[in-house]
Amino acid sequence: MHDIGELLSMIETIIGDELEKSHVPGLAVGIVQGDKLAFVKCHGYTDVEGKIPITPATAFHWASISKLFTCIGIFQQWEENKFKLNDPVNHYLSKGKLLRKKQSWPEVTFEHLLTHTAGIGELRRGADLFRKGFRLLTYDEKPVPPLSTLHDLPLHLSSPAGKKYAYSNIGGSLLGFLTEIFSGEDFQAYMIQRVLDPLGMVHSDFDNSDRVNDRLARGYKYKKGTLQLAKPWHNIIKPSGGLVTPLDDMVKFAACLLRKGKFDGKQLLKPETLDLIWTPHYWAHESLKETDAIGYIFRIQQLNGKKILWHTGGMSGFTATLDLIPGDGVALLTEANLGESLHSRITFRLRHRILKVLTGATDAFDPSRYQPDTTWWPDIKGHYGGYPGWLSNTRVIVNGIDFKVQEKDGHLVLSSLFGEHKNGTVLYPTADPLVYEYPRGDAGDIDYTSSIGFTRSQKTGKVIEMSIGDMDKLRKNPGWRTFRFTISMLVIIAVTTLSLLAILDLFTR
């Protein structure tokens, strides 16, 4: 990689370009090299009304990036031999057992929790949709309830452990609760004592407190053409989303990771433990293992041959990203006080574009590189949808619910009920006849292409699965099992019922 100094002009231009497109009130971007900020850019206000400027000392909510810290905490306990990664989690829970629908389902292990494959959904149960804060959040200023208020309750699994990837905030929080059990300390106190303070992150906490309150940015949303204060919330599931920290402090965490767990003479984790955490443990398709995978909590990506370890975060009024390029000893940090959906976030787009500069990646795409091998097309074509367990399918549902692959004009075309593929996406062949790619037209995307992989059954040799997005696996379905078919039947039933009622009304007059 070039020296950061040679790239600053390009990075400044990218930030300026994205700021012109955004309504973000405040933003901070930092690039860490070694143990220091090699580049920092602060823009806007921590408080728009008071015109208080953003600085590296301004504290932001980092949301799901909290899970990286929780990962460090639970692995400290693992290094102390408190548990094994393949241990059933229920062995350590006196209450709040993880309940399987069938005895044939595997027991949930720590490895399942660490790879989001435990079968835990976005909510503990469907009824929590109707609870204020879904039992996961609190909106008032009273003390945040302890983790036990959630994790002492039984949890019915949505799907069998190990069957599929399903990002779960509850699962991430459970890792923090287990840290409490092993250490005998409150999670928040443990993290201050064993992670934050040893790194000198003295202006950081897992909840609003005296450590952060005097420097905390206000969160905003952009609605109806104006910036408005976002409704503040506090995470009951602090291990999954409670972290509040300024850029100045987060630099120390990033530097510690780049130095394999060591910072200022203190060793948070052994280097070999971090190597284990940063090894791929789950991926959606075997051919994509090296480009998109998850280690333990940390996401793993390859860009222009460089390994990137990353996570993002978003909550009411805030978004953030953290990326490590360990081979170059560089980290990228972004934070903003504007709540936005994932792909429209300024932090997400900045992350993508700046990483391309740091890794030397390009947006080149040649759709004619490979000639299509149509041998598998008859078997690939068809309908695909999520595996059973709707609470663990929420992200599949949001991305389109129901997916279809068909042949049009000599190409395979992927479509969905809504979302990115609503109007049909042409899939271009790769060297592997069961892996396809399509170009991403937006410069704010991390890759110039995204990959779609198809998996064959080891028993029958037939295509049974499609990988889509980064981690999701969808099963191939007969037409009658699709959401499209269900909707069509409901429409037919409704029309038929109304017609019969109209006929009956004529005969009874």
Protein backbone atom coordinates (compact mmCIF):
# COMPACT_ATOMS: atom_id res chain seq x y z
CA MET A 1 0.00 0.00 0.00
CA HIS A 2 1.11 3.54 -0.67
CA ASP A 3 1.92 5.78 2.25
CA ILE A 4 -1.32 7.29 3.62
CA GLY A 5 0.03 10.75 2.89
CA GLU A 6 0.01 10.03 -0.85
CA LEU A 7 -3.69 9.13 -0.71
CA LEU A 8 -5.02 11.99 1.39
CA SER A 9 -6.05 14.15 -1.56
CA MET A 10 -8.19 11.34 -3.01
CA ILE A 11 -9.75 10.61 0.38
CA GLU A 12 -10.52 14.29 0.98
CA THR A 13 -12.23 14.43 -2.43
CA ILE A 14 -14.35 11.35 -1.63
CA ILE A 15 -15.46 12.81 1.70
CA GLY A 16 -16.33 16.13 0.08
CA ASP A 17 -18.29 14.37 -2.65
CA GLU A 18 -20.34 12.33 -0.18
CA LEU A 19 -20.98 15.33 2.06
CA GLU A 20 -22.51 17.17 -0.90
CA LYS A 21 -25.01 14.32 -1.32
CA SER A 22 -25.80 13.97 2.37
CA HIS A 23 -27.81 15.81 5.00
CA VAL A 24 -25.57 14.49 7.79
CA PRO A 25 -25.29 16.99 10.67
CA GLY A 26 -21.98 15.65 11.96
CA LEU A 27 -19.29 13.26 10.72
CA ALA A 28 -15.86 12.05 11.77
CA VAL A 29 -13.51 9.90 9.68
CA GLY A 30 -10.21 8.55 10.94
CA ILE A 31 -7.46 6.40 9.45
CA VAL A 32 -5.18 4.65 11.91
CA GLN A 33 -1.67 3.65 10.97
CA GLY A 34 0.35 1.99 13.70
CA ASP A 35 -1.09 3.38 16.90
CA LYS A 36 -1.91 6.90 15.75
CA LEU A 37 -4.37 8.80 13.60
CA ALA A 38 -2.66 9.27 10.24
CA PHE A 39 -5.70 11.09 8.93
CA VAL A 40 -8.73 12.67 10.57
CA LYS A 41 -11.60 14.65 9.12
CA CYS A 42 -14.38 16.14 11.24
CA HIS A 43 -17.36 17.89 9.76
CA GLY A 44 -20.48 19.55 11.10
CA TYR A 45 -22.06 19.66 14.50
CA THR A 46 -22.62 17.48 17.52
CA ASP A 47 -25.56 19.79 18.30
CA VAL A 48 -27.04 21.52 15.27
CA GLU A 49 -29.05 24.02 17.31
CA GLY A 50 -26.12 24.97 19.49
CA LYS A 51 -23.61 24.91 16.61
CA ILE A 52 -21.19 22.79 18.65
CA PRO A 53 -18.60 21.38 16.22
CA ILE A 54 -17.65 17.74 15.91
CA THR A 55 -14.11 16.90 17.11
CA PRO A 56 -12.24 13.61 17.61
CA ALA A 57 -13.29 13.88 21.28
CA THR A 58 -17.02 13.83 20.43
CA ALA A 59 -18.66 10.59 21.60
CA PHE A 60 -21.00 8.69 19.26
CA HIS A 61 -23.11 5.57 19.60
CA TRP A 62 -21.33 2.78 17.69
CA ALA A 63 -24.28 0.38 17.85
CA SER A 64 -23.46 -3.14 16.57
CA ILE A 65 -19.71 -2.50 16.57
CA SER A 66 -20.16 -3.14 20.30
CA LYS A 67 -20.16 -6.84 19.41
CA LEU A 68 -16.44 -6.68 18.57
CA PHE A 69 -15.71 -5.63 22.14
CA THR A 70 -18.04 -8.31 23.47
CA CYS A 71 -16.09 -10.82 21.37
CA ILE A 72 -12.87 -9.72 23.08
CA GLY A 73 -14.50 -10.10 26.50
CA ILE A 74 -15.87 -13.61 25.95
CA PHE A 75 -12.56 -14.79 24.50
CA GLN A 76 -10.73 -13.48 27.56
CA GLN A 77 -12.89 -15.93 29.50
CA TRP A 78 -12.15 -18.64 26.93
CA GLU A 79 -8.41 -18.06 27.44
CA GLU A 80 -9.04 -18.63 31.16
CA ASN A 81 -10.54 -22.04 30.27
CA LYS A 82 -14.04 -21.14 31.46
CA PHE A 83 -15.62 -22.94 28.47
CA LYS A 84 -14.91 -24.64 25.15
CA LEU A 85 -16.19 -23.34 21.84
CA ASN A 86 -18.14 -26.54 21.12
CA ASP A 87 -19.78 -26.59 24.58
CA PRO A 88 -23.59 -26.40 24.60
CA VAL A 89 -24.52 -22.95 25.89
CA ASN A 90 -27.37 -24.38 27.98
CA HIS A 91 -24.81 -26.05 30.25
CA TYR A 92 -23.99 -22.62 31.66
CA LEU A 93 -27.49 -21.13 31.86
CA SER A 94 -29.47 -21.82 35.03
CA LYS A 95 -32.40 -19.89 33.55
CA GLY A 96 -33.25 -18.66 30.08
CA LYS A 97 -32.55 -21.96 28.35
CA LEU A 98 -32.41 -22.11 24.57
CA LEU A 99 -35.34 -24.34 23.67
CA ARG A 100 -35.37 -26.51 20.56
CA LYS A 101 -38.61 -27.28 18.74
CA LYS A 102 -37.40 -30.82 18.06
CA GLN A 103 -35.04 -33.03 20.03
CA SER A 104 -33.29 -33.81 16.75
CA TRP A 105 -32.11 -30.20 16.49
CA PRO A 106 -28.47 -29.72 17.57
CA GLU A 107 -27.65 -28.02 20.86
CA VAL A 108 -26.56 -24.40 20.48
CA THR A 109 -22.83 -23.97 21.09
CA PHE A 110 -20.63 -20.92 21.59
CA GLU A 111 -19.41 -21.32 18.03
CA HIS A 112 -23.00 -21.00 16.81
CA LEU A 113 -23.45 -17.76 18.75
CA LEU A 114 -20.15 -16.38 17.47
CA THR A 115 -21.07 -17.04 13.82
CA HIS A 116 -24.76 -16.01 13.99
CA THR A 117 -25.83 -19.58 13.18
CA ALA A 118 -27.59 -20.41 16.47
CA GLY A 119 -31.09 -20.23 14.98
CA ILE A 120 -31.98 -17.22 17.13
CA GLY A 121 -34.17 -14.64 15.43
CA GLU A 122 -34.26 -10.85 15.56
CA LEU A 123 -36.78 -11.10 18.42
CA ARG A 124 -37.11 -13.53 21.32
CA ARG A 125 -40.59 -14.37 20.09
CA GLY A 126 -43.14 -12.90 17.69
CA ALA A 127 -45.26 -11.44 20.49
CA ASP A 128 -42.40 -9.08 21.35
CA LEU A 129 -43.34 -7.10 18.23
CA PHE A 130 -46.11 -5.61 20.36
CA ARG A 131 -43.94 -4.75 23.37
CA LYS A 132 -42.47 -1.29 23.76
CA GLY A 133 -38.87 -1.55 22.63
CA PHE A 134 -39.41 -5.21 21.61
CA ARG A 135 -38.05 -6.15 25.06
CA LEU A 136 -34.61 -5.14 23.75
CA LEU A 137 -34.67 -1.34 24.15
CA THR A 138 -35.81 1.31 26.56
CA TYR A 139 -36.79 4.85 25.57
CA ASP A 140 -36.93 6.57 28.93
CA GLU A 141 -34.21 8.03 31.09
CA LYS A 142 -34.54 5.52 33.90
CA PRO A 143 -31.68 3.10 34.58
CA VAL A 144 -31.44 0.55 31.80
CA PRO A 145 -32.71 -2.87 32.96
CA PRO A 146 -30.03 -5.54 33.50
CA LEU A 147 -29.28 -8.23 30.91
CA SER A 148 -31.03 -10.80 33.10
CA THR A 149 -34.43 -9.23 32.33
CA LEU A 150 -34.05 -10.70 28.84
CA HIS A 151 -31.67 -13.61 29.23
CA ASP A 152 -33.35 -15.19 32.26
CA LEU A 153 -36.37 -15.82 30.01
CA PRO A 154 -36.56 -19.02 27.93
CA LEU A 155 -35.78 -18.54 24.26
CA HIS A 156 -37.44 -20.68 21.59
CA LEU A 157 -35.12 -21.20 18.65
CA SER A 158 -36.47 -20.19 15.26
CA SER A 159 -34.44 -22.74 13.30
CA PRO A 160 -31.94 -25.56 13.95
CA ALA A 161 -28.49 -24.44 15.08
CA GLY A 162 -25.94 -24.57 12.28
CA LYS A 163 -28.54 -24.65 9.51
CA LYS A 164 -28.26 -21.06 8.35
CA TYR A 165 -26.78 -17.64 9.04
CA ALA A 166 -29.22 -15.29 10.75
CA TYR A 167 -27.75 -12.10 12.21
CA SER A 168 -28.94 -11.92 15.80
CA ASN A 169 -28.57 -9.08 18.28
CA ILE A 170 -30.03 -11.35 20.96
CA GLY A 171 -27.33 -13.93 20.29
CA GLY A 172 -24.61 -11.28 20.55
CA SER A 173 -26.08 -10.04 23.82
CA LEU A 174 -26.16 -13.59 25.17
CA LEU A 175 -22.38 -13.74 24.74
CA GLY A 176 -22.13 -10.70 27.02
CA PHE A 177 -24.48 -12.30 29.54
CA LEU A 178 -22.33 -15.43 29.56
CA THR A 179 -19.32 -13.19 30.21
CA GLU A 180 -21.19 -11.97 33.29
CA ILE A 181 -21.79 -15.55 34.41
CA PHE A 182 -18.17 -16.61 33.93
CA SER A 183 -16.61 -13.51 35.50
CA GLY A 184 -19.16 -12.95 38.26
CA GLU A 185 -19.26 -9.26 37.28
CA ASP A 186 -21.83 -7.02 35.64
CA PHE A 187 -21.07 -6.90 31.90
CA GLN A 188 -20.64 -3.14 31.81
CA ALA A 189 -18.29 -3.14 34.81
CA TYR A 190 -16.34 -6.06 33.35
CA MET A 191 -15.81 -4.31 30.02
CA ILE A 192 -14.61 -1.13 31.72
CA GLN A 193 -12.19 -3.03 33.94
CA ARG A 194 -10.88 -5.60 31.43
CA VAL A 195 -11.11 -3.87 28.03
CA LEU A 196 -11.84 -0.13 28.03
CA ASP A 197 -9.64 1.14 30.85
CA PRO A 198 -6.61 -1.05 29.95
CA LEU A 199 -6.73 0.58 26.51
CA GLY A 200 -7.03 4.06 27.98
CA MET A 201 -10.58 4.37 26.62
CA VAL A 202 -11.61 6.36 29.68
CA HIS A 203 -14.26 8.36 27.82
CA SER A 204 -16.10 5.23 26.67
CA ASP A 205 -18.89 3.14 28.17
CA PHE A 206 -21.65 0.69 27.26
CA ASP A 207 -24.39 3.10 28.22
CA ASN A 208 -24.80 6.83 28.77
CA SER A 209 -22.85 7.64 31.91
CA ASP A 210 -20.59 10.26 33.46
CA ARG A 211 -17.76 8.81 31.35
CA VAL A 212 -19.45 9.99 28.13
CA ASN A 213 -22.36 12.34 28.83
CA ASP A 214 -20.47 15.64 28.63
CA ARG A 215 -19.19 14.87 25.12
CA LEU A 216 -22.05 12.84 23.59
CA ALA A 217 -23.37 13.93 20.19
CA ARG A 218 -27.10 14.31 19.62
CA GLY A 219 -28.61 11.91 17.09
CA TYR A 220 -30.72 13.13 14.16
CA LYS A 221 -32.95 11.91 11.37
CA TYR A 222 -33.75 13.63 8.06
CA LYS A 223 -37.47 13.76 7.42
CA LYS A 224 -39.69 15.90 5.21
CA GLY A 225 -36.76 18.02 4.13
CA THR A 226 -35.52 18.90 7.63
CA LEU A 227 -33.17 17.56 10.27
CA GLN A 228 -35.03 16.41 13.36
CA LEU A 229 -33.82 14.98 16.63
CA ALA A 230 -34.04 11.20 16.56
CA LYS A 231 -35.88 9.45 19.36
CA PRO A 232 -33.11 8.33 21.73
CA TRP A 233 -33.03 4.76 22.91
CA HIS A 234 -30.89 2.75 25.27
CA ASN A 235 -29.96 -0.86 24.60
CA ILE A 236 -30.97 -3.40 27.21
CA ILE A 237 -28.81 -5.71 25.09
CA LYS A 238 -25.71 -3.60 25.73
CA PRO A 239 -23.24 -6.26 24.50
CA SER A 240 -24.82 -6.03 21.04
CA GLY A 241 -25.27 -2.28 20.73
CA GLY A 242 -24.51 -0.18 23.80
CA LEU A 243 -21.02 1.18 23.08
CA VAL A 244 -20.57 4.97 23.31
CA THR A 245 -17.09 6.22 22.45
CA PRO A 246 -15.24 9.06 20.70
CA LEU A 247 -12.93 8.63 17.75
CA ASP A 248 -9.97 9.40 20.00
CA ASP A 249 -10.75 6.31 22.08
CA MET A 250 -11.70 4.03 19.20
CA VAL A 251 -8.28 4.65 17.67
CA LYS A 252 -6.79 2.80 20.65
CA PHE A 253 -9.02 -0.22 20.13
CA ALA A 254 -8.14 -0.36 16.43
CA ALA A 255 -4.42 0.01 17.19
CA CYS A 256 -4.65 -2.81 19.73
CA LEU A 257 -6.19 -5.13 17.14
CA LEU A 258 -3.62 -4.18 14.50
CA ARG A 259 -0.92 -5.07 17.03
CA LYS A 260 -2.47 -8.51 17.62
CA GLY A 261 -4.08 -7.68 20.95
CA LYS A 262 -1.28 -5.58 22.45
CA PHE A 263 -1.44 -1.87 23.28
CA ASP A 264 0.71 0.29 25.54
CA GLY A 265 2.36 -2.76 27.06
CA LYS A 266 -0.95 -4.51 27.81
CA GLN A 267 -2.07 -7.72 26.08
CA LEU A 268 -5.86 -7.99 25.82
CA LEU A 269 -5.81 -11.31 23.97
CA LYS A 270 -3.09 -13.64 22.76
CA PRO A 271 -2.11 -13.25 19.09
CA GLU A 272 -3.09 -16.85 18.38
CA THR A 273 -6.55 -16.18 19.83
CA LEU A 274 -7.07 -13.28 17.45
CA ASP A 275 -5.84 -15.47 14.58
CA LEU A 276 -8.58 -17.94 15.52
CA ILE A 277 -11.20 -15.18 15.70
CA TRP A 278 -10.14 -13.86 12.28
CA THR A 279 -10.23 -17.27 10.55
CA PRO A 280 -13.29 -17.93 8.35
CA HIS A 281 -15.78 -20.14 10.22
CA TYR A 282 -18.90 -19.65 8.11
CA TRP A 283 -19.51 -18.73 4.48
CA ALA A 284 -22.51 -18.91 2.19
CA HIS A 285 -20.83 -20.76 -0.68
CA GLU A 286 -17.61 -22.75 -0.81
CA SER A 287 -16.30 -20.82 -3.83
CA LEU A 288 -16.80 -17.51 -1.99
CA LYS A 289 -15.07 -18.51 1.25
CA GLU A 290 -12.05 -16.33 0.59
CA THR A 291 -14.00 -13.22 -0.42
CA ASP A 292 -16.92 -13.10 2.03
CA ALA A 293 -17.04 -14.96 5.33
CA ILE A 294 -17.50 -14.52 9.05
CA GLY A 295 -14.91 -15.45 11.63
CA TYR A 296 -16.06 -15.13 15.21
CA ILE A 297 -18.24 -11.98 15.17
CA PHE A 298 -15.75 -10.19 12.89
CA ARG A 299 -16.74 -10.15 9.22
CA ILE A 300 -13.98 -11.09 6.74
CA GLN A 301 -13.67 -9.76 3.21
CA GLN A 302 -11.09 -9.75 0.43
CA LEU A 303 -10.66 -6.64 -1.68
CA ASN A 304 -7.98 -6.57 -4.36
CA GLY A 305 -6.27 -9.46 -2.59
CA LYS A 306 -6.19 -7.72 0.79
CA LYS A 307 -7.90 -9.16 3.85
CA ILE A 308 -10.33 -6.81 5.57
CA LEU A 309 -11.85 -7.37 9.01
CA TRP A 310 -14.93 -5.29 9.56
CA HIS A 311 -18.26 -4.52 11.17
CA THR A 312 -20.85 -1.78 10.86
CA GLY A 313 -23.31 -0.27 13.31
CA GLY A 314 -26.54 1.68 13.11
CA MET A 315 -29.23 2.80 15.52
CA SER A 316 -31.62 5.69 16.06
CA GLY A 317 -29.67 8.81 15.08
CA PHE A 318 -26.24 7.18 14.56
CA THR A 319 -24.21 5.01 12.17
CA ALA A 320 -20.58 3.86 12.21
CA THR A 321 -18.08 1.52 10.55
CA LEU A 322 -14.81 -0.13 11.60
CA ASP A 323 -12.40 -1.78 9.15
CA LEU A 324 -8.98 -3.31 9.69
CA ILE A 325 -6.48 -4.07 6.93
CA PRO A 326 -4.09 -6.08 9.12
CA GLY A 327 -1.61 -6.83 6.33
CA ASP A 328 -1.01 -3.09 5.90
CA GLY A 329 -1.34 -2.15 9.59
CA VAL A 330 -4.17 0.25 8.74
CA ALA A 331 -7.67 0.80 10.14
CA LEU A 332 -10.54 2.96 8.89
CA LEU A 333 -13.13 4.42 11.28
CA THR A 334 -16.25 6.40 10.39
CA GLU A 335 -19.02 7.77 12.59
CA ALA A 336 -22.04 10.04 11.98
CA ASN A 337 -24.98 11.37 13.99
CA LEU A 338 -27.64 10.71 11.37
CA GLY A 339 -29.82 7.61 11.35
CA GLU A 340 -30.09 6.09 7.84
CA SER A 341 -30.91 2.75 6.25
CA LEU A 342 -27.90 0.57 5.52
CA HIS A 343 -27.14 1.28 1.86
CA SER A 344 -27.92 4.99 2.08
CA ARG A 345 -25.66 5.63 5.10
CA ILE A 346 -22.90 8.12 4.47
CA THR A 347 -20.61 6.08 6.74
CA PHE A 348 -21.26 2.91 4.71
CA ARG A 349 -20.62 4.66 1.40
CA LEU A 350 -17.49 6.38 2.70
CA ARG A 351 -16.25 3.07 4.02
CA HIS A 352 -16.65 1.47 0.61
CA ARG A 353 -15.05 4.23 -1.40
CA ILE A 354 -12.12 4.89 0.95
CA LEU A 355 -11.31 1.17 1.22
CA LYS A 356 -10.96 1.05 -2.55
CA VAL A 357 -8.38 3.81 -2.33
CA LEU A 358 -6.54 2.12 0.53
CA THR A 359 -6.44 -1.27 -1.23
CA GLY A 360 -5.99 -0.04 -4.81
CA ALA A 361 -9.20 -1.77 -5.96
CA THR A 362 -10.93 -0.65 -9.15
CA ASP A 363 -14.46 -0.74 -10.50
CA ALA A 364 -13.49 -2.59 -13.67
CA PHE A 365 -15.95 -5.23 -14.88
CA ASP A 366 -15.84 -7.20 -18.10
CA PRO A 367 -19.09 -9.16 -18.55
CA SER A 368 -17.63 -11.07 -21.48
CA ARG A 369 -14.66 -12.51 -19.57
CA TYR A 370 -16.27 -15.95 -19.53
CA GLN A 371 -18.61 -17.68 -21.92
CA PRO A 372 -21.68 -19.11 -20.19
CA ASP A 373 -21.71 -22.86 -19.48
CA THR A 374 -25.42 -23.62 -19.84
CA THR A 375 -25.12 -27.22 -18.65
CA TRP A 376 -26.56 -26.42 -15.25
CA TRP A 377 -29.10 -23.81 -16.33
CA PRO A 378 -32.12 -26.14 -16.40
CA ASP A 379 -31.33 -27.15 -12.83
CA ILE A 380 -30.45 -23.65 -11.60
CA LYS A 381 -33.66 -22.07 -12.89
CA GLY A 382 -36.51 -21.91 -10.39
CA HIS A 383 -37.69 -20.37 -7.14
CA TYR A 384 -35.64 -19.77 -3.98
CA GLY A 385 -36.63 -18.67 -0.49
CA GLY A 386 -35.52 -18.69 3.12
CA TYR A 387 -35.25 -21.85 5.16
CA PRO A 388 -38.03 -22.33 7.77
CA GLY A 389 -38.07 -20.04 10.81
CA TRP A 390 -39.52 -16.62 10.02
CA LEU A 391 -37.94 -14.86 13.00
CA SER A 392 -34.54 -15.80 11.63
CA ASN A 393 -35.52 -14.81 8.08
CA THR A 394 -36.26 -11.14 8.65
CA ARG A 395 -33.29 -9.92 6.60
CA VAL A 396 -34.16 -12.25 3.73
CA ILE A 397 -37.71 -10.88 3.89
CA VAL A 398 -36.48 -7.28 3.81
CA ASN A 399 -34.29 -8.03 0.77
CA GLY A 400 -37.12 -9.41 -1.36
CA ILE A 401 -38.81 -12.42 0.36
CA ASP A 402 -39.07 -14.55 -2.74
CA PHE A 403 -36.44 -14.98 -5.48
CA LYS A 404 -36.65 -16.40 -8.97
CA VAL A 405 -33.99 -17.35 -11.52
CA GLN A 406 -35.08 -17.64 -15.14
CA GLU A 407 -33.54 -17.50 -18.61
CA LYS A 408 -34.04 -14.40 -20.73
CA ASP A 409 -32.29 -13.45 -23.98
CA GLY A 410 -29.46 -15.90 -23.43
CA HIS A 411 -28.80 -14.89 -19.82
CA LEU A 412 -29.79 -16.06 -16.38
CA VAL A 413 -31.83 -13.33 -14.67
CA LEU A 414 -32.48 -13.03 -10.93
CA SER A 415 -35.63 -11.28 -9.71
CA SER A 416 -37.36 -10.73 -6.37
CA LEU A 417 -40.71 -9.39 -5.20
CA PHE A 418 -39.10 -6.07 -4.28
CA GLY A 419 -35.71 -4.63 -3.43
CA GLU A 420 -32.50 -4.63 -5.44
CA HIS A 421 -33.58 -7.36 -7.87
CA LYS A 422 -37.21 -6.32 -8.34
CA ASN A 423 -36.78 -5.44 -12.01
CA GLY A 424 -34.49 -8.35 -12.79
CA THR A 425 -30.70 -8.58 -12.55
CA VAL A 426 -28.64 -10.20 -15.31
CA LEU A 427 -26.19 -12.78 -13.92
CA TYR A 428 -22.85 -13.08 -15.71
CA PRO A 429 -20.79 -16.30 -15.68
CA THR A 430 -17.48 -16.84 -13.89
CA ALA A 431 -14.92 -19.62 -14.24
CA ASP A 432 -17.14 -21.73 -11.94
CA PRO A 433 -20.35 -22.80 -13.76
CA LEU A 434 -22.26 -22.63 -10.45
CA VAL A 435 -21.12 -19.10 -9.51
CA TYR A 436 -22.34 -15.92 -11.19
CA GLU A 437 -21.77 -12.23 -10.67
CA TYR A 438 -23.44 -8.97 -11.51
CA PRO A 439 -22.03 -5.41 -11.63
CA ARG A 440 -22.83 -2.88 -8.95
CA GLY A 441 -23.53 0.41 -10.70
CA ASP A 442 -22.96 2.63 -7.67
CA ALA A 443 -19.49 3.93 -6.87
CA GLY A 444 -20.51 3.69 -3.22
CA ASP A 445 -20.54 -0.12 -3.35
CA ILE A 446 -17.58 -1.95 -1.87
CA ASP A 447 -17.16 -4.38 -4.76
CA TYR A 448 -17.59 -3.74 -8.44
CA THR A 449 -19.52 -7.02 -8.54
CA SER A 450 -21.60 -9.18 -6.23
CA SER A 451 -21.60 -12.96 -6.45
CA ILE A 452 -24.42 -15.49 -6.53
CA GLY A 453 -23.53 -19.13 -5.90
CA PHE A 454 -25.56 -22.29 -6.40
CA THR A 455 -24.98 -25.46 -4.37
CA ARG A 456 -25.65 -29.07 -5.39
CA SER A 457 -26.92 -31.85 -3.16
CA GLN A 458 -24.22 -34.36 -2.28
CA LYS A 459 -26.83 -37.12 -2.56
CA THR A 460 -28.65 -36.26 -5.79
CA GLY A 461 -26.28 -33.85 -7.52
CA LYS A 462 -29.22 -31.47 -8.08
CA VAL A 463 -29.05 -27.73 -7.31
CA ILE A 464 -30.77 -27.23 -3.94
CA GLU A 465 -29.54 -23.86 -2.70
CA MET A 466 -28.57 -20.34 -3.72
CA SER A 467 -26.26 -18.03 -1.80
CA ILE A 468 -27.21 -14.38 -2.06
CA GLY A 469 -25.90 -11.26 -0.40
CA ASP A 470 -22.96 -11.80 1.89
CA MET A 471 -24.11 -14.65 4.09
CA ASP A 472 -27.65 -15.79 3.25
CA LYS A 473 -28.50 -19.23 1.93
CA LEU A 474 -31.85 -19.77 0.23
CA ARG A 475 -33.36 -23.18 -0.50
CA LYS A 476 -34.78 -24.09 -3.88
CA ASN A 477 -38.56 -24.37 -3.67
CA PRO A 478 -41.28 -25.83 -5.87
CA GLY A 479 -43.58 -23.15 -7.23
CA TRP A 480 -46.40 -24.00 -4.82
CA ARG A 481 -44.19 -23.30 -1.80
CA THR A 482 -43.32 -19.73 -2.80
CA PHE A 483 -44.65 -16.52 -1.33
CA ARG A 484 -45.78 -15.54 -4.84
CA PHE A 485 -47.97 -18.65 -5.01
CA THR A 486 -49.42 -17.97 -1.54
CA ILE A 487 -50.35 -14.40 -2.50
CA SER A 488 -51.88 -15.60 -5.78
CA MET A 489 -53.99 -18.18 -3.93
CA LEU A 490 -55.15 -15.60 -1.41
CA VAL A 491 -56.17 -13.28 -4.24
CA ILE A 492 -58.03 -16.10 -6.02
CA ILE A 493 -59.78 -17.11 -2.79
CA ALA A 494 -60.74 -13.50 -2.08
CA VAL A 495 -62.06 -12.93 -5.60
CA THR A 496 -63.93 -16.25 -5.57
CA THR A 497 -65.46 -15.52 -2.17
CA LEU A 498 -66.60 -12.05 -3.24
CA SER A 499 -68.06 -13.47 -6.45
CA LEU A 500 -69.98 -16.16 -4.57
CA LEU A 501 -71.30 -13.60 -2.11
CA ALA A 502 -72.45 -11.42 -5.00
CA ILE A 503 -74.24 -14.40 -6.61
CA LEU A 504 -75.86 -15.36 -3.34
CA ASP A 505 -77.00 -11.77 -2.90
CA LEU A 506 -78.72 -11.90 -6.32
CA PHE A 507 -80.61 -15.09 -5.46
CA THR A 508 -81.73 -13.82 -2.04
CA ARG A 509 -83.26 -10.56 -3.24
